N, C-alpha and C. Protein backbone atom coordinates (compact mmCIF):
# COMPACT_ATOMS: atom_id res chain seq x y z
N MET A 1 110.04 98.50 73.61
CA MET A 1 108.95 98.16 74.50
C MET A 1 107.86 99.23 74.38
N LYS A 2 106.63 98.81 74.34
CA LYS A 2 105.53 99.74 74.18
C LYS A 2 105.39 100.64 75.39
N LYS A 3 105.20 101.92 75.11
CA LYS A 3 105.06 102.91 76.17
C LYS A 3 103.80 102.65 77.00
N SER A 4 102.74 102.18 76.36
CA SER A 4 101.50 101.94 77.09
C SER A 4 101.67 100.82 78.13
N LEU A 5 102.46 99.79 77.79
CA LEU A 5 102.72 98.72 78.76
C LEU A 5 103.57 99.22 79.92
N GLN A 6 104.52 100.08 79.62
CA GLN A 6 105.35 100.63 80.68
C GLN A 6 104.52 101.48 81.64
N ILE A 7 103.65 102.30 81.09
CA ILE A 7 102.80 103.15 81.93
C ILE A 7 101.82 102.30 82.73
N ALA A 8 101.29 101.25 82.13
CA ALA A 8 100.38 100.36 82.85
C ALA A 8 101.10 99.68 84.01
N PHE A 9 102.32 99.22 83.76
CA PHE A 9 103.11 98.58 84.82
C PHE A 9 103.42 99.58 85.92
N SER A 10 103.82 100.77 85.53
CA SER A 10 104.11 101.82 86.50
C SER A 10 102.87 102.15 87.34
N SER A 11 101.73 102.18 86.71
CA SER A 11 100.47 102.46 87.43
C SER A 11 100.15 101.35 88.42
N MET A 12 100.40 100.11 88.02
CA MET A 12 100.14 98.99 88.95
C MET A 12 101.09 99.05 90.15
N VAL A 13 102.36 99.38 89.89
CA VAL A 13 103.32 99.51 90.99
C VAL A 13 102.91 100.66 91.90
N THR A 14 102.46 101.75 91.31
CA THR A 14 101.99 102.89 92.11
C THR A 14 100.82 102.48 92.99
N ALA A 15 99.85 101.81 92.40
CA ALA A 15 98.67 101.39 93.16
C ALA A 15 99.06 100.43 94.29
N LEU A 16 99.90 99.46 93.99
CA LEU A 16 100.34 98.51 95.01
C LEU A 16 101.13 99.22 96.11
N SER A 17 101.98 100.16 95.74
CA SER A 17 102.74 100.91 96.73
C SER A 17 101.84 101.72 97.64
N VAL A 18 100.83 102.36 97.07
CA VAL A 18 99.90 103.15 97.88
C VAL A 18 99.12 102.24 98.84
N VAL A 19 98.71 101.07 98.37
CA VAL A 19 98.01 100.12 99.24
C VAL A 19 98.92 99.67 100.38
N LEU A 20 100.17 99.36 100.05
CA LEU A 20 101.13 98.97 101.09
C LEU A 20 101.35 100.10 102.09
N MET A 21 101.46 101.32 101.58
CA MET A 21 101.64 102.48 102.47
C MET A 21 100.39 102.66 103.35
N PHE A 22 99.23 102.45 102.77
CA PHE A 22 97.99 102.55 103.55
C PHE A 22 98.00 101.51 104.67
N LEU A 23 98.41 100.27 104.35
CA LEU A 23 98.50 99.23 105.38
C LEU A 23 99.53 99.59 106.44
N GLY A 24 100.60 100.25 106.04
CA GLY A 24 101.58 100.73 107.00
C GLY A 24 100.99 101.78 107.93
N GLY A 25 100.00 102.49 107.44
CA GLY A 25 99.31 103.47 108.28
C GLY A 25 98.29 102.84 109.20
N VAL A 26 97.68 101.77 108.74
CA VAL A 26 96.66 101.10 109.54
C VAL A 26 97.29 100.25 110.64
N PHE A 27 98.32 99.51 110.28
CA PHE A 27 99.04 98.67 111.25
C PHE A 27 100.36 99.36 111.58
N THR A 28 100.41 100.02 112.72
CA THR A 28 101.56 100.87 113.05
C THR A 28 102.88 100.11 113.14
N VAL A 29 102.82 98.80 113.35
CA VAL A 29 104.05 98.03 113.39
C VAL A 29 104.73 98.02 112.01
N LEU A 30 103.99 98.33 110.97
CA LEU A 30 104.52 98.33 109.60
C LEU A 30 104.91 99.73 109.12
N THR A 31 104.95 100.70 110.01
CA THR A 31 105.22 102.09 109.64
C THR A 31 106.52 102.26 108.88
N TYR A 32 107.56 101.55 109.25
CA TYR A 32 108.85 101.68 108.58
C TYR A 32 109.07 100.61 107.53
N ILE A 33 108.38 99.50 107.64
CA ILE A 33 108.58 98.39 106.72
C ILE A 33 107.93 98.66 105.36
N MET A 34 106.71 99.15 105.37
CA MET A 34 106.01 99.36 104.10
C MET A 34 106.66 100.41 103.21
N PRO A 35 107.19 101.52 103.72
CA PRO A 35 107.92 102.43 102.83
C PRO A 35 109.15 101.77 102.21
N MET A 36 109.80 100.89 102.96
CA MET A 36 110.97 100.19 102.42
C MET A 36 110.56 99.22 101.32
N ILE A 37 109.48 98.48 101.52
CA ILE A 37 109.01 97.55 100.49
C ILE A 37 108.59 98.32 99.24
N SER A 38 107.91 99.43 99.44
CA SER A 38 107.52 100.26 98.29
C SER A 38 108.75 100.79 97.56
N GLY A 39 109.79 101.11 98.31
CA GLY A 39 111.04 101.55 97.69
C GLY A 39 111.69 100.45 96.87
N VAL A 40 111.60 99.22 97.35
CA VAL A 40 112.14 98.09 96.59
C VAL A 40 111.45 98.01 95.22
N MET A 41 110.16 98.26 95.21
CA MET A 41 109.43 98.22 93.94
C MET A 41 109.90 99.33 93.00
N MET A 42 110.29 100.49 93.57
CA MET A 42 110.83 101.56 92.73
C MET A 42 112.14 101.12 92.07
N SER A 43 112.95 100.37 92.82
CA SER A 43 114.22 99.91 92.24
C SER A 43 113.97 98.89 91.12
N LEU A 44 112.94 98.07 91.26
CA LEU A 44 112.61 97.11 90.19
C LEU A 44 112.09 97.82 88.95
N VAL A 45 111.31 98.88 89.14
CA VAL A 45 110.85 99.67 87.99
C VAL A 45 112.04 100.31 87.29
N LYS A 46 112.97 100.83 88.08
CA LYS A 46 114.16 101.46 87.48
C LYS A 46 114.98 100.43 86.71
N LYS A 47 115.17 99.28 87.28
CA LYS A 47 115.99 98.25 86.65
C LYS A 47 115.34 97.75 85.35
N THR A 48 114.03 97.63 85.35
CA THR A 48 113.33 97.08 84.20
C THR A 48 113.05 98.12 83.12
N PHE A 49 112.61 99.31 83.52
CA PHE A 49 112.12 100.29 82.54
C PHE A 49 112.92 101.59 82.50
N GLY A 50 113.85 101.77 83.41
CA GLY A 50 114.68 102.97 83.36
C GLY A 50 114.37 103.98 84.45
N THR A 51 115.27 104.91 84.56
CA THR A 51 115.22 105.91 85.64
C THR A 51 114.02 106.84 85.51
N SER A 52 113.72 107.28 84.31
CA SER A 52 112.64 108.26 84.16
C SER A 52 111.29 107.68 84.59
N LEU A 53 111.02 106.45 84.22
CA LEU A 53 109.75 105.84 84.64
C LEU A 53 109.75 105.58 86.15
N ALA A 54 110.89 105.28 86.70
CA ALA A 54 110.98 105.09 88.16
C ALA A 54 110.66 106.40 88.89
N TRP A 55 111.16 107.52 88.37
CA TRP A 55 110.85 108.82 88.98
C TRP A 55 109.36 109.14 88.86
N VAL A 56 108.78 108.84 87.72
CA VAL A 56 107.34 109.09 87.54
C VAL A 56 106.54 108.24 88.53
N THR A 57 106.94 106.99 88.70
CA THR A 57 106.27 106.09 89.63
C THR A 57 106.42 106.61 91.07
N TYR A 58 107.62 107.04 91.41
CA TYR A 58 107.86 107.59 92.76
C TYR A 58 107.00 108.82 93.01
N ILE A 59 106.97 109.75 92.06
CA ILE A 59 106.20 110.99 92.24
C ILE A 59 104.71 110.68 92.37
N ALA A 60 104.21 109.80 91.53
CA ALA A 60 102.78 109.44 91.61
C ALA A 60 102.46 108.78 92.95
N THR A 61 103.33 107.87 93.39
CA THR A 61 103.11 107.20 94.67
C THR A 61 103.19 108.19 95.82
N ALA A 62 104.15 109.10 95.75
CA ALA A 62 104.31 110.09 96.82
C ALA A 62 103.09 111.00 96.90
N LEU A 63 102.61 111.48 95.76
CA LEU A 63 101.44 112.37 95.77
C LEU A 63 100.19 111.66 96.28
N LEU A 64 99.98 110.45 95.81
CA LEU A 64 98.81 109.71 96.30
C LEU A 64 98.93 109.38 97.79
N SER A 65 100.13 109.09 98.23
CA SER A 65 100.35 108.77 99.65
C SER A 65 100.05 109.97 100.54
N VAL A 66 100.40 111.15 100.06
CA VAL A 66 100.13 112.36 100.85
C VAL A 66 98.64 112.47 101.15
N PHE A 67 97.80 112.10 100.19
CA PHE A 67 96.36 112.26 100.37
C PHE A 67 95.66 111.02 100.95
N LEU A 68 96.23 109.83 100.76
CA LEU A 68 95.49 108.62 101.12
C LEU A 68 96.03 107.85 102.33
N VAL A 69 97.27 108.08 102.71
CA VAL A 69 97.86 107.31 103.80
C VAL A 69 97.55 107.99 105.13
N PRO A 70 96.88 107.28 106.04
CA PRO A 70 96.47 107.91 107.30
C PRO A 70 97.63 108.17 108.27
N ASN A 71 98.68 107.38 108.19
CA ASN A 71 99.82 107.55 109.09
C ASN A 71 100.83 108.48 108.43
N ARG A 72 100.96 109.68 108.95
CA ARG A 72 101.85 110.68 108.36
C ARG A 72 103.31 110.24 108.43
N GLU A 73 103.68 109.52 109.46
CA GLU A 73 105.07 109.07 109.59
C GLU A 73 105.42 108.08 108.48
N CYS A 74 104.53 107.17 108.20
CA CYS A 74 104.73 106.20 107.13
C CYS A 74 104.87 106.92 105.79
N MET A 75 104.01 107.87 105.54
CA MET A 75 104.03 108.63 104.30
C MET A 75 105.33 109.42 104.18
N ILE A 76 105.73 110.09 105.24
CA ILE A 76 106.96 110.90 105.22
C ILE A 76 108.19 110.02 105.01
N MET A 77 108.22 108.83 105.61
CA MET A 77 109.37 107.94 105.42
C MET A 77 109.54 107.57 103.94
N PHE A 78 108.41 107.37 103.26
CA PHE A 78 108.49 107.06 101.83
C PHE A 78 108.89 108.28 101.03
N VAL A 79 108.21 109.38 101.25
CA VAL A 79 108.46 110.58 100.46
C VAL A 79 109.86 111.13 100.69
N ALA A 80 110.29 111.14 101.95
CA ALA A 80 111.57 111.78 102.29
C ALA A 80 112.79 110.91 101.99
N PHE A 81 112.63 109.59 101.94
CA PHE A 81 113.83 108.79 101.72
C PHE A 81 113.59 107.49 100.98
N PHE A 82 112.79 106.59 101.53
CA PHE A 82 112.72 105.23 101.02
C PHE A 82 112.12 105.14 99.63
N GLY A 83 111.38 106.13 99.19
CA GLY A 83 110.82 106.10 97.86
C GLY A 83 111.83 106.40 96.77
N PHE A 84 112.71 107.36 97.02
CA PHE A 84 113.65 107.72 95.96
C PHE A 84 115.05 107.16 96.17
N TYR A 85 115.40 106.71 97.37
CA TYR A 85 116.75 106.19 97.58
C TYR A 85 117.09 105.03 96.63
N PRO A 86 116.18 104.07 96.42
CA PRO A 86 116.53 103.00 95.47
C PRO A 86 116.79 103.51 94.04
N ILE A 87 116.22 104.65 93.69
CA ILE A 87 116.44 105.20 92.36
C ILE A 87 117.83 105.83 92.26
N ILE A 88 118.28 106.48 93.31
CA ILE A 88 119.58 107.15 93.27
C ILE A 88 120.73 106.25 93.75
N LYS A 89 120.41 105.09 94.29
CA LYS A 89 121.42 104.18 94.86
C LYS A 89 122.49 103.81 93.84
N SER A 90 122.11 103.50 92.63
CA SER A 90 123.10 103.08 91.63
C SER A 90 124.10 104.20 91.34
N GLY A 91 123.64 105.43 91.38
CA GLY A 91 124.55 106.56 91.20
C GLY A 91 125.54 106.68 92.35
N LEU A 92 125.05 106.47 93.57
CA LEU A 92 125.94 106.51 94.73
C LEU A 92 126.91 105.34 94.72
N ASP A 93 126.47 104.20 94.25
CA ASP A 93 127.33 103.01 94.22
C ASP A 93 128.47 103.14 93.21
N LYS A 94 128.39 104.10 92.30
CA LYS A 94 129.46 104.29 91.31
C LYS A 94 130.69 104.97 91.91
N ILE A 95 130.55 105.49 93.13
CA ILE A 95 131.71 106.10 93.79
C ILE A 95 132.73 105.00 94.05
N LYS A 96 133.93 105.19 93.56
CA LYS A 96 134.96 104.15 93.62
C LYS A 96 135.46 103.89 95.03
N VAL A 97 135.57 104.94 95.84
CA VAL A 97 136.09 104.79 97.20
C VAL A 97 134.93 104.33 98.10
N LYS A 98 134.94 103.03 98.43
CA LYS A 98 133.81 102.42 99.15
C LYS A 98 133.55 103.06 100.52
N PRO A 99 134.57 103.37 101.34
CA PRO A 99 134.27 104.02 102.62
C PRO A 99 133.59 105.39 102.43
N LEU A 100 134.01 106.12 101.41
CA LEU A 100 133.38 107.41 101.12
C LEU A 100 131.93 107.22 100.69
N CYS A 101 131.70 106.21 99.88
CA CYS A 101 130.34 105.89 99.44
C CYS A 101 129.46 105.55 100.64
N PHE A 102 129.97 104.72 101.53
CA PHE A 102 129.22 104.31 102.73
C PHE A 102 128.90 105.51 103.62
N VAL A 103 129.90 106.36 103.86
CA VAL A 103 129.70 107.55 104.71
C VAL A 103 128.71 108.50 104.05
N LEU A 104 128.82 108.68 102.75
CA LEU A 104 127.89 109.57 102.04
C LEU A 104 126.45 109.05 102.14
N LYS A 105 126.27 107.76 101.97
CA LYS A 105 124.93 107.17 102.11
C LYS A 105 124.38 107.40 103.52
N LEU A 106 125.22 107.18 104.53
CA LEU A 106 124.76 107.41 105.91
C LEU A 106 124.45 108.88 106.17
N LEU A 107 125.26 109.77 105.63
CA LEU A 107 124.99 111.21 105.80
C LEU A 107 123.66 111.59 105.15
N ILE A 108 123.43 111.11 103.94
CA ILE A 108 122.16 111.40 103.26
C ILE A 108 120.99 110.84 104.06
N PHE A 109 121.12 109.60 104.51
CA PHE A 109 120.05 108.97 105.28
C PHE A 109 119.75 109.76 106.56
N ASN A 110 120.80 110.08 107.33
CA ASN A 110 120.59 110.78 108.59
C ASN A 110 120.06 112.19 108.39
N ALA A 111 120.54 112.88 107.37
CA ALA A 111 120.03 114.22 107.09
C ALA A 111 118.54 114.18 106.74
N LEU A 112 118.17 113.22 105.89
CA LEU A 112 116.76 113.15 105.48
C LEU A 112 115.86 112.61 106.59
N MET A 113 116.36 111.73 107.42
CA MET A 113 115.56 111.26 108.56
C MET A 113 115.37 112.40 109.56
N SER A 114 116.39 113.18 109.77
CA SER A 114 116.26 114.34 110.67
C SER A 114 115.26 115.34 110.10
N ALA A 115 115.36 115.58 108.80
CA ALA A 115 114.41 116.50 108.16
C ALA A 115 112.98 115.95 108.22
N SER A 116 112.83 114.64 108.06
CA SER A 116 111.48 114.07 108.12
C SER A 116 110.90 114.16 109.53
N GLN A 117 111.74 113.96 110.54
CA GLN A 117 111.26 114.11 111.92
C GLN A 117 110.88 115.57 112.20
N ALA A 118 111.66 116.50 111.67
CA ALA A 118 111.32 117.92 111.82
C ALA A 118 110.01 118.24 111.12
N ALA A 119 109.81 117.67 109.92
CA ALA A 119 108.55 117.89 109.20
C ALA A 119 107.38 117.32 109.97
N LEU A 120 107.56 116.14 110.54
CA LEU A 120 106.48 115.54 111.34
C LEU A 120 106.12 116.43 112.52
N PHE A 121 107.12 117.02 113.13
CA PHE A 121 106.87 117.85 114.31
C PHE A 121 106.30 119.22 113.93
N TYR A 122 106.94 119.90 112.99
CA TYR A 122 106.56 121.28 112.70
C TYR A 122 105.39 121.40 111.73
N ILE A 123 105.24 120.47 110.81
CA ILE A 123 104.13 120.56 109.85
C ILE A 123 102.91 119.80 110.33
N PHE A 124 103.12 118.57 110.80
CA PHE A 124 101.99 117.72 111.19
C PHE A 124 101.74 117.68 112.68
N GLN A 125 102.55 118.39 113.44
CA GLN A 125 102.39 118.49 114.90
C GLN A 125 102.44 117.13 115.59
N ILE A 126 103.28 116.23 115.08
CA ILE A 126 103.45 114.91 115.68
C ILE A 126 104.78 114.92 116.43
N PRO A 127 104.73 114.89 117.75
CA PRO A 127 105.99 114.95 118.51
C PRO A 127 106.77 113.64 118.41
N PHE A 128 108.08 113.75 118.40
CA PHE A 128 108.94 112.56 118.37
C PHE A 128 109.04 111.96 119.76
N THR A 129 108.98 112.79 120.75
CA THR A 129 109.13 112.33 122.13
C THR A 129 107.93 112.76 122.97
N ASP A 130 107.84 112.15 124.13
CA ASP A 130 106.88 112.60 125.13
C ASP A 130 107.62 112.73 126.46
N GLU A 131 106.89 112.91 127.52
CA GLU A 131 107.53 113.15 128.82
C GLU A 131 108.36 111.97 129.31
N GLU A 132 107.95 110.74 128.99
CA GLU A 132 108.65 109.56 129.47
C GLU A 132 109.87 109.19 128.62
N THR A 133 109.97 109.73 127.41
CA THR A 133 111.05 109.36 126.51
C THR A 133 112.35 110.01 126.98
N THR A 134 113.37 109.19 127.08
CA THR A 134 114.67 109.69 127.54
C THR A 134 115.61 109.90 126.35
N THR A 135 116.69 110.55 126.62
CA THR A 135 117.72 110.77 125.61
C THR A 135 118.30 109.44 125.15
N VAL A 136 118.41 108.49 126.06
CA VAL A 136 118.93 107.17 125.71
C VAL A 136 118.04 106.51 124.66
N PHE A 137 116.74 106.65 124.81
CA PHE A 137 115.82 106.09 123.83
C PHE A 137 116.02 106.72 122.45
N ILE A 138 116.18 108.01 122.41
CA ILE A 138 116.37 108.71 121.14
C ILE A 138 117.67 108.25 120.47
N ILE A 139 118.73 108.12 121.25
CA ILE A 139 120.01 107.66 120.70
C ILE A 139 119.89 106.22 120.22
N LEU A 140 119.24 105.38 121.00
CA LEU A 140 119.04 103.98 120.61
C LEU A 140 118.20 103.89 119.33
N PHE A 141 117.17 104.71 119.24
CA PHE A 141 116.33 104.73 118.04
C PHE A 141 117.14 105.14 116.82
N ALA A 142 117.98 106.15 116.95
CA ALA A 142 118.82 106.61 115.83
C ALA A 142 119.81 105.52 115.41
N VAL A 143 120.41 104.85 116.39
CA VAL A 143 121.36 103.77 116.07
C VAL A 143 120.64 102.63 115.36
N LEU A 144 119.46 102.25 115.85
CA LEU A 144 118.70 101.17 115.22
C LEU A 144 118.24 101.56 113.81
N LEU A 145 117.86 102.81 113.62
CA LEU A 145 117.48 103.26 112.27
C LEU A 145 118.67 103.16 111.32
N ASN A 146 119.85 103.52 111.79
CA ASN A 146 121.04 103.42 110.95
C ASN A 146 121.37 101.96 110.62
N LEU A 147 121.23 101.09 111.59
CA LEU A 147 121.45 99.66 111.34
C LEU A 147 120.43 99.13 110.33
N MET A 148 119.18 99.56 110.51
CA MET A 148 118.13 99.16 109.58
C MET A 148 118.46 99.64 108.17
N PHE A 149 118.97 100.85 108.04
CA PHE A 149 119.34 101.37 106.73
C PHE A 149 120.48 100.57 106.10
N ILE A 150 121.47 100.21 106.88
CA ILE A 150 122.61 99.43 106.37
C ILE A 150 122.12 98.08 105.85
N VAL A 151 121.23 97.44 106.61
CA VAL A 151 120.67 96.15 106.17
C VAL A 151 119.83 96.36 104.91
N TYR A 152 119.04 97.41 104.88
CA TYR A 152 118.21 97.72 103.70
C TYR A 152 119.08 97.96 102.47
N ASP A 153 120.16 98.68 102.62
CA ASP A 153 121.05 98.96 101.50
C ASP A 153 121.66 97.67 100.95
N LYS A 154 122.12 96.81 101.83
CA LYS A 154 122.68 95.52 101.39
C LYS A 154 121.61 94.64 100.78
N PHE A 155 120.41 94.66 101.35
CA PHE A 155 119.30 93.89 100.81
C PHE A 155 118.98 94.33 99.38
N LEU A 156 118.92 95.64 99.15
CA LEU A 156 118.66 96.15 97.81
C LEU A 156 119.73 95.70 96.83
N GLU A 157 120.97 95.75 97.27
CA GLU A 157 122.08 95.34 96.43
C GLU A 157 121.94 93.87 96.01
N LYS A 158 121.68 93.01 96.98
CA LYS A 158 121.56 91.57 96.70
C LYS A 158 120.29 91.26 95.90
N LEU A 159 119.21 91.95 96.21
CA LEU A 159 117.96 91.73 95.49
C LEU A 159 118.10 92.10 94.02
N LEU A 160 118.78 93.20 93.73
CA LEU A 160 118.95 93.60 92.34
C LEU A 160 119.84 92.63 91.58
N ILE A 161 120.82 92.04 92.25
CA ILE A 161 121.64 91.02 91.60
C ILE A 161 120.78 89.79 91.29
N LEU A 162 119.99 89.36 92.26
CA LEU A 162 119.09 88.23 92.05
C LEU A 162 118.10 88.52 90.93
N TYR A 163 117.51 89.70 90.95
CA TYR A 163 116.55 90.09 89.92
C TYR A 163 117.19 90.07 88.54
N GLU A 164 118.39 90.62 88.45
CA GLU A 164 119.10 90.67 87.17
C GLU A 164 119.40 89.28 86.64
N ARG A 165 119.81 88.38 87.50
CA ARG A 165 120.19 87.04 87.07
C ARG A 165 119.01 86.12 86.79
N LYS A 166 117.94 86.24 87.57
CA LYS A 166 116.85 85.26 87.48
C LYS A 166 115.58 85.77 86.79
N PHE A 167 115.24 87.05 86.96
CA PHE A 167 113.91 87.49 86.55
C PHE A 167 113.87 88.55 85.47
N GLU A 168 114.90 89.36 85.33
CA GLU A 168 114.83 90.52 84.45
C GLU A 168 114.52 90.13 83.00
N LYS A 169 115.19 89.12 82.47
CA LYS A 169 114.94 88.72 81.08
C LYS A 169 113.51 88.26 80.89
N ARG A 170 112.99 87.50 81.86
CA ARG A 170 111.61 87.00 81.75
C ARG A 170 110.60 88.15 81.77
N ILE A 171 110.83 89.10 82.66
CA ILE A 171 109.88 90.21 82.78
C ILE A 171 109.95 91.10 81.54
N LYS A 172 111.14 91.36 81.05
CA LYS A 172 111.27 92.17 79.84
C LYS A 172 110.64 91.45 78.65
N LYS A 173 110.74 90.14 78.63
CA LYS A 173 110.13 89.35 77.56
C LYS A 173 108.60 89.48 77.60
N LEU A 174 108.04 89.54 78.80
CA LEU A 174 106.59 89.71 78.94
C LEU A 174 106.10 91.03 78.36
N PHE A 175 106.95 92.05 78.46
CA PHE A 175 106.53 93.39 78.04
C PHE A 175 106.99 93.77 76.64
N LYS A 176 107.41 92.81 75.85
CA LYS A 176 107.79 93.11 74.46
C LYS A 176 106.59 93.20 73.57
């Protein structure tokens, strides 16, 4: 496959991801959804063109997002987790003991979400809570984020199977 076509495709995915991240910043209801959708595109780049191009696409998207996305939370969610998780997911899925794999994924997710919240607070001065926010809300938010991650992980798994069976050959044929 021609390197120029791969780079052009990677550039288009980067541009689309940055636009989606920008929309996630403009419409706050999309703050968590757009980083996940952009992450899905990273997994498709990895599946089609390989891990190295997926990392290049992730780094380019992350750097552009830092400068262009107005919502820091949306940008941090992509940079800290949803941008690279689809790239490393296949490596984590190779762990034979499924409960260990599941726990490891949750530990990575929770550690990086905690780090991203700390970065939002200490670097960007964006508080996670205010005076009215209770501990129950914080616990509920953490539980819902974990549920969202579990659904996202299963969605990625099923999407990649669908992509492999229905679309991968056609897309690779386009880029020959």
